[in-house]
Amino acid sequence: MAIAKRKSSERKSSERKSRVYTISLPPDMAKQAEAIAKSESRTMSELFREAFRAYQDNRNRRALEEAAAYGATRNPYSYTEEDIPRLVKEVRAEMRAERERKTRAAG
């Protein structure tokens, strides 16, 4: 039984490992992108993949910075991770003392 090979032009789109997008750039930006790709011996696809990765990194960094800024407003006493066990112990001791006061008052 012989299996016929398909020509690359007959490939199903579902077999493609990447998606193809058409983008448009202003002429000056296109020339700059082409010059960079040529000077770095890269394809335009490689250049735009790298640009997207840099954009994602920048976006993630901004989100983390915003979360850190928000977190800083939620820690007015500047507690650190090392403070957590002590704080938990203190709160539990206060809760225990409160329960004991209520038990004594009720009985």
PDB file of N, CA and C in Angstrom:
ATOM      1  N   MET A   1       0.850  -1.173   0.000  1.00  0.00           N
ATOM      2  CA  MET A   1       0.000   0.000   0.000  1.00  0.00           C
ATOM      3  C   MET A   1       0.888   1.226   0.000  1.00  0.00           C
ATOM      4  N   ALA A   2       0.753   2.040  -0.975  1.00  0.00           N
ATOM      5  CA  ALA A   2       1.570   3.248  -1.103  1.00  0.00           C
ATOM      6  C   ALA A   2       0.798   4.440  -0.557  1.00  0.00           C
ATOM      7  N   ILE A   3       1.534   5.266   0.154  1.00  0.00           N
ATOM      8  CA  ILE A   3       0.932   6.489   0.683  1.00  0.00           C
ATOM      9  C   ILE A   3       1.460   7.648  -0.139  1.00  0.00           C
ATOM     10  N   ALA A   4       0.550   8.394  -0.707  1.00  0.00           N
ATOM     11  CA  ALA A   4       0.944   9.537  -1.535  1.00  0.00           C
ATOM     12  C   ALA A   4       1.329  10.703  -0.646  1.00  0.00           C
ATOM     13  N   LYS A   5       2.426  11.336  -0.983  1.00  0.00           N
ATOM     14  CA  LYS A   5       2.848  12.524  -0.239  1.00  0.00           C
ATOM     15  C   LYS A   5       2.093  13.721  -0.775  1.00  0.00           C
ATOM     16  N   ARG A   6       1.693  14.554   0.138  1.00  0.00           N
ATOM     17  CA  ARG A   6       1.017  15.789  -0.243  1.00  0.00           C
ATOM     18  C   ARG A   6       2.037  16.864  -0.530  1.00  0.00           C
ATOM     19  N   LYS A   7       1.760  17.677  -1.496  1.00  0.00           N
ATOM     20  CA  LYS A   7       2.616  18.829  -1.767  1.00  0.00           C
ATOM     21  C   LYS A   7       2.432  19.827  -0.635  1.00  0.00           C
ATOM     22  N   SER A   8       3.475  20.602  -0.346  1.00  0.00           N
ATOM     23  CA  SER A   8       3.384  21.566   0.745  1.00  0.00           C
ATOM     24  C   SER A   8       2.254  22.560   0.519  1.00  0.00           C
ATOM     25  N   SER A   9       1.931  22.836  -0.752  1.00  0.00           N
ATOM     26  CA  SER A   9       0.852  23.787  -1.033  1.00  0.00           C
ATOM     27  C   SER A   9      -0.515  23.182  -0.729  1.00  0.00           C
ATOM     28  N   GLU A  10      -0.568  21.853  -0.561  1.00  0.00           N
ATOM     29  CA  GLU A  10      -1.837  21.199  -0.277  1.00  0.00           C
ATOM     30  C   GLU A  10      -2.047  20.960   1.221  1.00  0.00           C
ATOM     31  N   ARG A  11      -1.146  21.452   2.035  1.00  0.00           N
ATOM     32  CA  ARG A  11      -1.269  21.268   3.487  1.00  0.00           C
ATOM     33  C   ARG A  11      -2.554  21.875   4.007  1.00  0.00           C
ATOM     34  N   LYS A  12      -3.110  21.217   4.970  1.00  0.00           N
ATOM     35  CA  LYS A  12      -4.268  21.784   5.653  1.00  0.00           C
ATOM     36  C   LYS A  12      -3.761  22.877   6.580  1.00  0.00           C
ATOM     37  N   SER A  13      -4.541  23.912   6.752  1.00  0.00           N
ATOM     38  CA  SER A  13      -4.117  25.001   7.635  1.00  0.00           C
ATOM     39  C   SER A  13      -3.974  24.527   9.082  1.00  0.00           C
ATOM     40  N   SER A  14      -4.682  23.464   9.453  1.00  0.00           N
ATOM     41  CA  SER A  14      -4.581  22.966  10.822  1.00  0.00           C
ATOM     42  C   SER A  14      -3.228  22.313  11.093  1.00  0.00           C
ATOM     43  N   GLU A  15      -2.486  21.970  10.039  1.00  0.00           N
ATOM     44  CA  GLU A  15      -1.171  21.362  10.207  1.00  0.00           C
ATOM     45  C   GLU A  15      -0.075  22.405  10.427  1.00  0.00           C
ATOM     46  N   ARG A  16      -0.368  23.642  10.160  1.00  0.00           N
ATOM     47  CA  ARG A  16       0.627  24.701  10.294  1.00  0.00           C
ATOM     48  C   ARG A  16       0.971  24.907  11.766  1.00  0.00           C
ATOM     49  N   LYS A  17       2.238  25.112  12.060  1.00  0.00           N
ATOM     50  CA  LYS A  17       2.667  25.260  13.451  1.00  0.00           C
ATOM     51  C   LYS A  17       2.600  26.704  13.930  1.00  0.00           C
ATOM     52  N   SER A  18       2.413  27.641  13.049  1.00  0.00           N
ATOM     53  CA  SER A  18       2.295  29.041  13.441  1.00  0.00           C
ATOM     54  C   SER A  18       1.141  29.672  12.680  1.00  0.00           C
ATOM     55  N   ARG A  19       0.672  30.775  13.221  1.00  0.00           N
ATOM     56  CA  ARG A  19      -0.426  31.494  12.553  1.00  0.00           C
ATOM     57  C   ARG A  19       0.149  32.647  11.767  1.00  0.00           C
ATOM     58  N   VAL A  20      -0.470  32.943  10.665  1.00  0.00           N
ATOM     59  CA  VAL A  20      -0.007  34.008   9.791  1.00  0.00           C
ATOM     60  C   VAL A  20      -0.903  35.230   9.991  1.00  0.00           C
ATOM     61  N   TYR A  21      -0.263  36.382  10.172  1.00  0.00           N
ATOM     62  CA  TYR A  21      -0.981  37.640  10.326  1.00  0.00           C
ATOM     63  C   TYR A  21      -0.469  38.621   9.281  1.00  0.00           C
ATOM     64  N   THR A  22      -1.332  39.456   8.823  1.00  0.00           N
ATOM     65  CA  THR A  22      -0.941  40.532   7.932  1.00  0.00           C
ATOM     66  C   THR A  22      -1.000  41.818   8.742  1.00  0.00           C
ATOM     67  N   ILE A  23       0.085  42.547   8.760  1.00  0.00           N
ATOM     68  CA  ILE A  23       0.099  43.820   9.480  1.00  0.00           C
ATOM     69  C   ILE A  23       0.483  44.922   8.514  1.00  0.00           C
ATOM     70  N   SER A  24       0.161  46.123   8.879  1.00  0.00           N
ATOM     71  CA  SER A  24       0.570  47.260   8.045  1.00  0.00           C
ATOM     72  C   SER A  24       1.342  48.234   8.921  1.00  0.00           C
ATOM     73  N   LEU A  25       2.369  48.811   8.315  1.00  0.00           N
ATOM     74  CA  LEU A  25       3.227  49.774   9.004  1.00  0.00           C
ATOM     75  C   LEU A  25       3.338  51.028   8.141  1.00  0.00           C
ATOM     76  N   PRO A  26       3.519  52.159   8.789  1.00  0.00           N
ATOM     77  CA  PRO A  26       3.810  53.361   8.006  1.00  0.00           C
ATOM     78  C   PRO A  26       5.121  53.137   7.247  1.00  0.00           C
ATOM     79  N   PRO A  27       5.279  53.742   6.070  1.00  0.00           N
ATOM     80  CA  PRO A  27       6.473  53.508   5.246  1.00  0.00           C
ATOM     81  C   PRO A  27       7.793  53.691   5.997  1.00  0.00           C
ATOM     82  N   ASP A  28       7.902  54.740   6.803  1.00  0.00           N
ATOM     83  CA  ASP A  28       9.152  54.986   7.510  1.00  0.00           C
ATOM     84  C   ASP A  28       9.451  53.874   8.512  1.00  0.00           C
ATOM     85  N   MET A  29       8.425  53.452   9.226  1.00  0.00           N
ATOM     86  CA  MET A  29       8.609  52.376  10.198  1.00  0.00           C
ATOM     87  C   MET A  29       8.960  51.067   9.491  1.00  0.00           C
ATOM     88  N   ALA A  30       8.329  50.810   8.351  1.00  0.00           N
ATOM     89  CA  ALA A  30       8.624  49.597   7.581  1.00  0.00           C
ATOM     90  C   ALA A  30      10.083  49.591   7.136  1.00  0.00           C
ATOM     91  N   LYS A  31      10.574  50.731   6.657  1.00  0.00           N
ATOM     92  CA  LYS A  31      11.979  50.815   6.241  1.00  0.00           C
ATOM     93  C   LYS A  31      12.911  50.558   7.416  1.00  0.00           C
ATOM     94  N   GLN A  32      12.580  51.122   8.570  1.00  0.00           N
ATOM     95  CA  GLN A  32      13.402  50.913   9.762  1.00  0.00           C
ATOM     96  C   GLN A  32      13.402  49.441  10.175  1.00  0.00           C
ATOM     97  N   ALA A  33      12.238  48.814  10.139  1.00  0.00           N
ATOM     98  CA  ALA A  33      12.136  47.398  10.515  1.00  0.00           C
ATOM     99  C   ALA A  33      12.940  46.536   9.551  1.00  0.00           C
ATOM    100  N   GLU A  34      12.832  46.818   8.270  1.00  0.00           N
ATOM    101  CA  GLU A  34      13.586  46.055   7.265  1.00  0.00           C
ATOM    102  C   GLU A  34      15.084  46.246   7.454  1.00  0.00           C
ATOM    103  N   ALA A  35      15.500  47.465   7.767  1.00  0.00           N
ATOM    104  CA  ALA A  35      16.928  47.735   7.971  1.00  0.00           C
ATOM    105  C   ALA A  35      17.455  46.981   9.189  1.00  0.00           C
ATOM    106  N   ILE A  36      16.676  46.961  10.257  1.00  0.00           N
ATOM    107  CA  ILE A  36      17.091  46.231  11.460  1.00  0.00           C
ATOM    108  C   ILE A  36      17.181  44.738  11.152  1.00  0.00           C
ATOM    109  N   ALA A  37      16.163  44.200  10.506  1.00  0.00           N
ATOM    110  CA  ALA A  37      16.163  42.769  10.173  1.00  0.00           C
ATOM    111  C   ALA A  37      17.380  42.425   9.317  1.00  0.00           C
ATOM    112  N   LYS A  38      17.661  43.270   8.333  1.00  0.00           N
ATOM    113  CA  LYS A  38      18.799  43.010   7.451  1.00  0.00           C
ATOM    114  C   LYS A  38      20.116  43.096   8.215  1.00  0.00           C
ATOM    115  N   SER A  39      20.260  44.120   9.061  1.00  0.00           N
ATOM    116  CA  SER A  39      21.522  44.298   9.796  1.00  0.00           C
ATOM    117  C   SER A  39      21.775  43.177  10.799  1.00  0.00           C
ATOM    118  N   GLU A  40      20.697  42.552  11.281  1.00  0.00           N
ATOM    119  CA  GLU A  40      20.825  41.461  12.249  1.00  0.00           C
ATOM    120  C   GLU A  40      20.673  40.086  11.605  1.00  0.00           C
ATOM    121  N   SER A  41      20.577  40.059  10.275  1.00  0.00           N
ATOM    122  CA  SER A  41      20.405  38.799   9.519  1.00  0.00           C
ATOM    123  C   SER A  41      19.227  37.990  10.060  1.00  0.00           C
ATOM    124  N   ARG A  42      18.108  38.677  10.238  1.00  0.00           N
ATOM    125  CA  ARG A  42      16.896  38.044  10.749  1.00  0.00           C
ATOM    126  C   ARG A  42      15.782  38.240   9.740  1.00  0.00           C
ATOM    127  N   THR A  43      14.778  37.393   9.840  1.00  0.00           N
ATOM    128  CA  THR A  43      13.596  37.593   9.008  1.00  0.00           C
ATOM    129  C   THR A  43      12.690  38.616   9.683  1.00  0.00           C
ATOM    130  N   MET A  44      11.769  39.131   8.927  1.00  0.00           N
ATOM    131  CA  MET A  44      10.802  40.072   9.510  1.00  0.00           C
ATOM    132  C   MET A  44       9.968  39.350  10.574  1.00  0.00           C
ATOM    133  N   SER A  45       9.654  38.085  10.343  1.00  0.00           N
ATOM    134  CA  SER A  45       8.893  37.322  11.339  1.00  0.00           C
ATOM    135  C   SER A  45       9.659  37.235  12.645  1.00  0.00           C
ATOM    136  N   GLU A  46      10.954  36.931  12.571  1.00  0.00           N
ATOM    137  CA  GLU A  46      11.764  36.859  13.789  1.00  0.00           C
ATOM    138  C   GLU A  46      11.789  38.205  14.492  1.00  0.00           C
ATOM    139  N   LEU A  47      11.928  39.271  13.717  1.00  0.00           N
ATOM    140  CA  LEU A  47      11.974  40.609  14.300  1.00  0.00           C
ATOM    141  C   LEU A  47      10.668  40.932  15.031  1.00  0.00           C
ATOM    142  N   PHE A  48       9.534  40.622  14.408  1.00  0.00           N
ATOM    143  CA  PHE A  48       8.254  40.933  15.036  1.00  0.00           C
ATOM    144  C   PHE A  48       7.950  39.998  16.207  1.00  0.00           C
ATOM    145  N   ARG A  49       8.409  38.749  16.146  1.00  0.00           N
ATOM    146  CA  ARG A  49       8.239  37.872  17.310  1.00  0.00           C
ATOM    147  C   ARG A  49       9.014  38.431  18.499  1.00  0.00           C
ATOM    148  N   GLU A  50      10.247  38.885  18.238  1.00  0.00           N
ATOM    149  CA  GLU A  50      11.059  39.472  19.308  1.00  0.00           C
ATOM    150  C   GLU A  50      10.407  40.749  19.844  1.00  0.00           C
ATOM    151  N   ALA A  51       9.851  41.557  18.946  1.00  0.00           N
ATOM    152  CA  ALA A  51       9.178  42.790  19.377  1.00  0.00           C
ATOM    153  C   ALA A  51       7.977  42.457  20.260  1.00  0.00           C
ATOM    154  N   PHE A  52       7.242  41.408  19.894  1.00  0.00           N
ATOM    155  CA  PHE A  52       6.079  41.025  20.693  1.00  0.00           C
ATOM    156  C   PHE A  52       6.514  40.517  22.059  1.00  0.00           C
ATOM    157  N   ARG A  53       7.587  39.713  22.103  1.00  0.00           N
ATOM    158  CA  ARG A  53       8.097  39.235  23.390  1.00  0.00           C
ATOM    159  C   ARG A  53       8.509  40.410  24.280  1.00  0.00           C
ATOM    160  N   ALA A  54       9.174  41.390  23.696  1.00  0.00           N
ATOM    161  CA  ALA A  54       9.591  42.572  24.470  1.00  0.00           C
ATOM    162  C   ALA A  54       8.356  43.320  24.972  1.00  0.00           C
ATOM    163  N   TYR A  55       7.337  43.435  24.139  1.00  0.00           N
ATOM    164  CA  TYR A  55       6.095  44.094  24.549  1.00  0.00           C
ATOM    165  C   TYR A  55       5.461  43.345  25.712  1.00  0.00           C
ATOM    166  N   GLN A  56       5.390  42.004  25.597  1.00  0.00           N
ATOM    167  CA  GLN A  56       4.814  41.196  26.670  1.00  0.00           C
ATOM    168  C   GLN A  56       5.594  41.371  27.971  1.00  0.00           C
ATOM    169  N   ASP A  57       6.916  41.319  27.884  1.00  0.00           N
ATOM    170  CA  ASP A  57       7.751  41.498  29.079  1.00  0.00           C
ATOM    171  C   ASP A  57       7.489  42.845  29.730  1.00  0.00           C
ATOM    172  N   ASN A  58       7.425  43.886  28.914  1.00  0.00           N
ATOM    173  CA  ASN A  58       7.175  45.236  29.424  1.00  0.00           C
ATOM    174  C   ASN A  58       5.797  45.306  30.078  1.00  0.00           C
ATOM    175  N   ARG A  59       4.825  44.709  29.446  1.00  0.00           N
ATOM    176  CA  ARG A  59       3.457  44.718  29.963  1.00  0.00           C
ATOM    177  C   ARG A  59       3.385  43.972  31.299  1.00  0.00           C
ATOM    178  N   ASN A  60       4.039  42.805  31.371  1.00  0.00           N
ATOM    179  CA  ASN A  60       4.051  42.035  32.619  1.00  0.00           C
ATOM    180  C   ASN A  60       4.784  42.791  33.721  1.00  0.00           C
ATOM    181  N   ARG A  61       5.881  43.443  33.374  1.00  0.00           N
ATOM    182  CA  ARG A  61       6.641  44.217  34.353  1.00  0.00           C
ATOM    183  C   ARG A  61       5.782  45.350  34.913  1.00  0.00           C
ATOM    184  N   ARG A  62       5.057  46.046  34.030  1.00  0.00           N
ATOM    185  CA  ARG A  62       4.174  47.136  34.490  1.00  0.00           C
ATOM    186  C   ARG A  62       3.092  46.602  35.428  1.00  0.00           C
ATOM    187  N   ALA A  63       2.530  45.442  35.094  1.00  0.00           N
ATOM    188  CA  ALA A  63       1.485  44.860  35.945  1.00  0.00           C
ATOM    189  C   ALA A  63       2.046  44.514  37.318  1.00  0.00           C
ATOM    190  N   LEU A  64       3.253  43.962  37.347  1.00  0.00           N
ATOM    191  CA  LEU A  64       3.879  43.645  38.640  1.00  0.00           C
ATOM    192  C   LEU A  64       4.188  44.904  39.434  1.00  0.00           C
ATOM    193  N   GLU A  65       4.652  45.942  38.747  1.00  0.00           N
ATOM    194  CA  GLU A  65       4.939  47.208  39.434  1.00  0.00           C
ATOM    195  C   GLU A  65       3.661  47.809  40.012  1.00  0.00           C
ATOM    196  N   GLU A  66       2.564  47.723  39.254  1.00  0.00           N
ATOM    197  CA  GLU A  66       1.285  48.231  39.758  1.00  0.00           C
ATOM    198  C   GLU A  66       0.819  47.430  40.970  1.00  0.00           C
ATOM    199  N   ALA A  67       0.993  46.109  40.904  1.00  0.00           N
ATOM    200  CA  ALA A  67       0.602  45.265  42.039  1.00  0.00           C
ATOM    201  C   ALA A  67       1.469  45.573  43.257  1.00  0.00           C
ATOM    202  N   ALA A  68       2.759  45.795  43.036  1.00  0.00           N
ATOM    203  CA  ALA A  68       3.657  46.133  44.145  1.00  0.00           C
ATOM    204  C   ALA A  68       3.279  47.484  44.751  1.00  0.00           C
ATOM    205  N   ALA A  69       2.934  48.441  43.898  1.00  0.00           N
ATOM    206  CA  ALA A  69       2.536  49.755  44.405  1.00  0.00           C
ATOM    207  C   ALA A  69       1.249  49.632  45.228  1.00  0.00           C
ATOM    208  N   TYR A  70       0.310  48.835  44.745  1.00  0.00           N
ATOM    209  CA  TYR A  70      -0.924  48.614  45.490  1.00  0.00           C
ATOM    210  C   TYR A  70      -0.612  47.926  46.820  1.00  0.00           C
ATOM    211  N   GLY A  71       0.224  46.894  46.756  1.00  0.00           N
ATOM    212  CA  GLY A  71       0.593  46.160  47.965  1.00  0.00           C
ATOM    213  C   GLY A  71       1.267  47.051  48.996  1.00  0.00           C
ATOM    214  N   ALA A  72       2.068  47.999  48.522  1.00  0.00           N
ATOM    215  CA  ALA A  72       2.760  48.913  49.432  1.00  0.00           C
ATOM    216  C   ALA A  72       1.765  49.770  50.205  1.00  0.00           C
ATOM    217  N   THR A  73       0.619  50.073  49.598  1.00  0.00           N
ATOM    218  CA  THR A  73      -0.396  50.861  50.298  1.00  0.00           C
ATOM    219  C   THR A  73      -1.158  50.015  51.304  1.00  0.00           C
ATOM    220  N   ARG A  74      -1.056  48.692  51.187  1.00  0.00           N
ATOM    221  CA  ARG A  74      -1.770  47.786  52.082  1.00  0.00           C
ATOM    222  C   ARG A  74      -0.896  47.325  53.235  1.00  0.00           C
ATOM    223  N   ASN A  75       0.287  47.850  53.370  1.00  0.00           N
ATOM    224  CA  ASN A  75       1.216  47.448  54.421  1.00  0.00           C
ATOM    225  C   ASN A  75       1.755  48.708  55.111  1.00  0.00           C
ATOM    226  N   PRO A  76       0.891  49.425  55.836  1.00  0.00           N
ATOM    227  CA  PRO A  76       1.311  50.704  56.409  1.00  0.00           C
ATOM    228  C   PRO A  76       2.404  50.580  57.474  1.00  0.00           C
ATOM    229  N   TYR A  77       2.553  49.383  58.060  1.00  0.00           N
ATOM    230  CA  TYR A  77       3.561  49.214  59.099  1.00  0.00           C
ATOM    231  C   TYR A  77       4.854  48.607  58.563  1.00  0.00           C
ATOM    232  N   SER A  78       4.932  48.439  57.273  1.00  0.00           N
ATOM    233  CA  SER A  78       6.128  47.895  56.606  1.00  0.00           C
ATOM    234  C   SER A  78       6.533  46.527  57.146  1.00  0.00           C
ATOM    235  N   TYR A  79       5.544  45.671  57.362  1.00  0.00           N
ATOM    236  CA  TYR A  79       5.855  44.312  57.802  1.00  0.00           C
ATOM    237  C   TYR A  79       6.598  43.581  56.696  1.00  0.00           C
ATOM    238  N   THR A  80       7.464  42.683  57.109  1.00  0.00           N
ATOM    239  CA  THR A  80       8.190  41.851  56.156  1.00  0.00           C
ATOM    240  C   THR A  80       7.736  40.409  56.329  1.00  0.00           C
ATOM    241  N   GLU A  81       8.193  39.562  55.450  1.00  0.00           N
ATOM    242  CA  GLU A  81       7.828  38.153  55.538  1.00  0.00           C
ATOM    243  C   GLU A  81       8.314  37.538  56.852  1.00  0.00           C
ATOM    244  N   GLU A  82       9.429  38.020  57.333  1.00  0.00           N
ATOM    245  CA  GLU A  82       9.967  37.505  58.590  1.00  0.00           C
ATOM    246  C   GLU A  82       9.071  37.856  59.784  1.00  0.00           C
ATOM    247  N   ASP A  83       8.268  38.902  59.666  1.00  0.00           N
ATOM    248  CA  ASP A  83       7.373  39.324  60.746  1.00  0.00           C
ATOM    249  C   ASP A  83       6.141  38.424  60.879  1.00  0.00           C
ATOM    250  N   ILE A  84       5.790  37.700  59.836  1.00  0.00           N
ATOM    251  CA  ILE A  84       4.528  36.958  59.808  1.00  0.00           C
ATOM    252  C   ILE A  84       4.392  35.943  60.948  1.00  0.00           C
ATOM    253  N   PRO A  85       5.365  35.069  61.208  1.00  0.00           N
ATOM    254  CA  PRO A  85       5.177  34.113  62.314  1.00  0.00           C
ATOM    255  C   PRO A  85       4.933  34.812  63.656  1.00  0.00           C
ATOM    256  N   ARG A  86       5.653  35.878  63.925  1.00  0.00           N
ATOM    257  CA  ARG A  86       5.472  36.615  65.185  1.00  0.00           C
ATOM    258  C   ARG A  86       4.077  37.218  65.249  1.00  0.00           C
ATOM    259  N   LEU A  87       3.621  37.816  64.134  1.00  0.00           N
ATOM    260  CA  LEU A  87       2.295  38.438  64.115  1.00  0.00           C
ATOM    261  C   LEU A  87       1.199  37.402  64.307  1.00  0.00           C
ATOM    262  N   VAL A  88       1.334  36.257  63.669  1.00  0.00           N
ATOM    263  CA  VAL A  88       0.341  35.189  63.832  1.00  0.00           C
ATOM    264  C   VAL A  88       0.292  34.747  65.285  1.00  0.00           C
ATOM    265  N   LYS A  89       1.458  34.577  65.891  1.00  0.00           N
ATOM    266  CA  LYS A  89       1.532  34.162  67.299  1.00  0.00           C
ATOM    267  C   LYS A  89       0.863  35.193  68.205  1.00  0.00           C
ATOM    268  N   GLU A  90       1.107  36.491  67.937  1.00  0.00           N
ATOM    269  CA  GLU A  90       0.507  37.554  68.746  1.00  0.00           C
ATOM    270  C   GLU A  90      -1.012  37.564  68.611  1.00  0.00           C
ATOM    271  N   VAL A  91      -1.505  37.450  67.385  1.00  0.00           N
ATOM    272  CA  VAL A  91      -2.958  37.477  67.169  1.00  0.00           C
ATOM    273  C   VAL A  91      -3.613  36.274  67.822  1.00  0.00           C
ATOM    274  N   ARG A  92      -2.994  35.112  67.691  1.00  0.00           N
ATOM    275  CA  ARG A  92      -3.562  33.913  68.324  1.00  0.00           C
ATOM    276  C   ARG A  92      -3.587  34.048  69.841  1.00  0.00           C
ATOM    277  N   ALA A  93      -2.548  34.633  70.408  1.00  0.00           N
ATOM    278  CA  ALA A  93      -2.509  34.844  71.859  1.00  0.00           C
ATOM    279  C   ALA A  93      -3.622  35.805  72.278  1.00  0.00           C
ATOM    280  N   GLU A  94      -3.842  36.854  71.514  1.00  0.00           N
ATOM    281  CA  GLU A  94      -4.921  37.807  71.814  1.00  0.00           C
ATOM    282  C   GLU A  94      -6.280  37.124  71.726  1.00  0.00           C
ATOM    283  N   MET A  95      -6.479  36.296  70.704  1.00  0.00           N
ATOM    284  CA  MET A  95      -7.754  35.592  70.542  1.00  0.00           C
ATOM    285  C   MET A  95      -7.975  34.610  71.700  1.00  0.00           C
ATOM    286  N   ARG A  96      -6.923  33.923  72.114  1.00  0.00           N
ATOM    287  CA  ARG A  96      -7.008  32.980  73.222  1.00  0.00           C
ATOM    288  C   ARG A  96      -7.365  33.727  74.511  1.00  0.00           C
ATOM    289  N   ALA A  97      -6.718  34.857  74.746  1.00  0.00           N
ATOM    290  CA  ALA A  97      -6.987  35.655  75.949  1.00  0.00           C
ATOM    291  C   ALA A  97      -8.428  36.152  75.942  1.00  0.00           C
ATOM    292  N   GLU A  98      -8.921  36.551  74.796  1.00  0.00           N
ATOM    293  CA  GLU A  98     -10.309  37.032  74.682  1.00  0.00           C
ATOM    294  C   GLU A  98     -11.298  35.909  74.992  1.00  0.00           C
ATOM    295  N   ARG A  99     -11.022  34.712  74.460  1.00  0.00           N
ATOM    296  CA  ARG A  99     -11.895  33.559  74.746  1.00  0.00           C
ATOM    297  C   ARG A  99     -11.903  33.240  76.243  1.00  0.00           C
ATOM    298  N   GLU A 100     -10.716  33.300  76.850  1.00  0.00           N
ATOM    299  CA  GLU A 100     -10.622  33.006  78.294  1.00  0.00           C
ATOM    300  C   GLU A 100     -11.383  34.056  79.114  1.00  0.00           C
ATOM    301  N   ARG A 101     -11.319  35.327  78.708  1.00  0.00           N
ATOM    302  CA  ARG A 101     -12.068  36.373  79.426  1.00  0.00           C
ATOM    303  C   ARG A 101     -13.559  36.129  79.328  1.00  0.00           C
ATOM    304  N   LYS A 102     -14.014  35.741  78.135  1.00  0.00           N
ATOM    305  CA  LYS A 102     -15.446  35.476  77.935  1.00  0.00           C
ATOM    306  C   LYS A 102     -15.895  34.265  78.743  1.00  0.00           C
ATOM    307  N   THR A 103     -15.031  33.244  78.799  1.00  0.00           N
ATOM    308  CA  THR A 103     -15.357  32.018  79.560  1.00  0.00           C
ATOM    309  C   THR A 103     -15.465  32.346  81.047  1.00  0.00           C
ATOM    310  N   ARG A 104     -14.524  33.145  81.557  1.00  0.00           N
ATOM    311  CA  ARG A 104     -14.552  33.529  82.986  1.00  0.00           C
ATOM    312  C   ARG A 104     -15.790  34.386  83.291  1.00  0.00           C
ATOM    313  N   ALA A 105     -16.123  35.282  82.368  1.00  0.00           N
ATOM    314  CA  ALA A 105     -17.262  36.176  82.593  1.00  0.00           C
ATOM    315  C   ALA A 105     -18.566  35.397  82.550  1.00  0.00           C
ATOM    316  N   ALA A 106     -18.635  34.358  81.727  1.00  0.00           N
ATOM    317  CA  ALA A 106     -19.874  33.571  81.600  1.00  0.00           C
ATOM    318  C   ALA A 106     -20.016  32.564  82.737  1.00  0.00           C
ATOM    319  N   GLY A 107     -18.961  32.163  83.341  1.00  0.00           N
ATOM    320  CA  GLY A 107     -19.064  31.075  84.294  1.00  0.00           C
ATOM    321  C   GLY A 107     -18.669  31.393  85.635  1.00  0.00           C
TER     322      GLY A 107
END
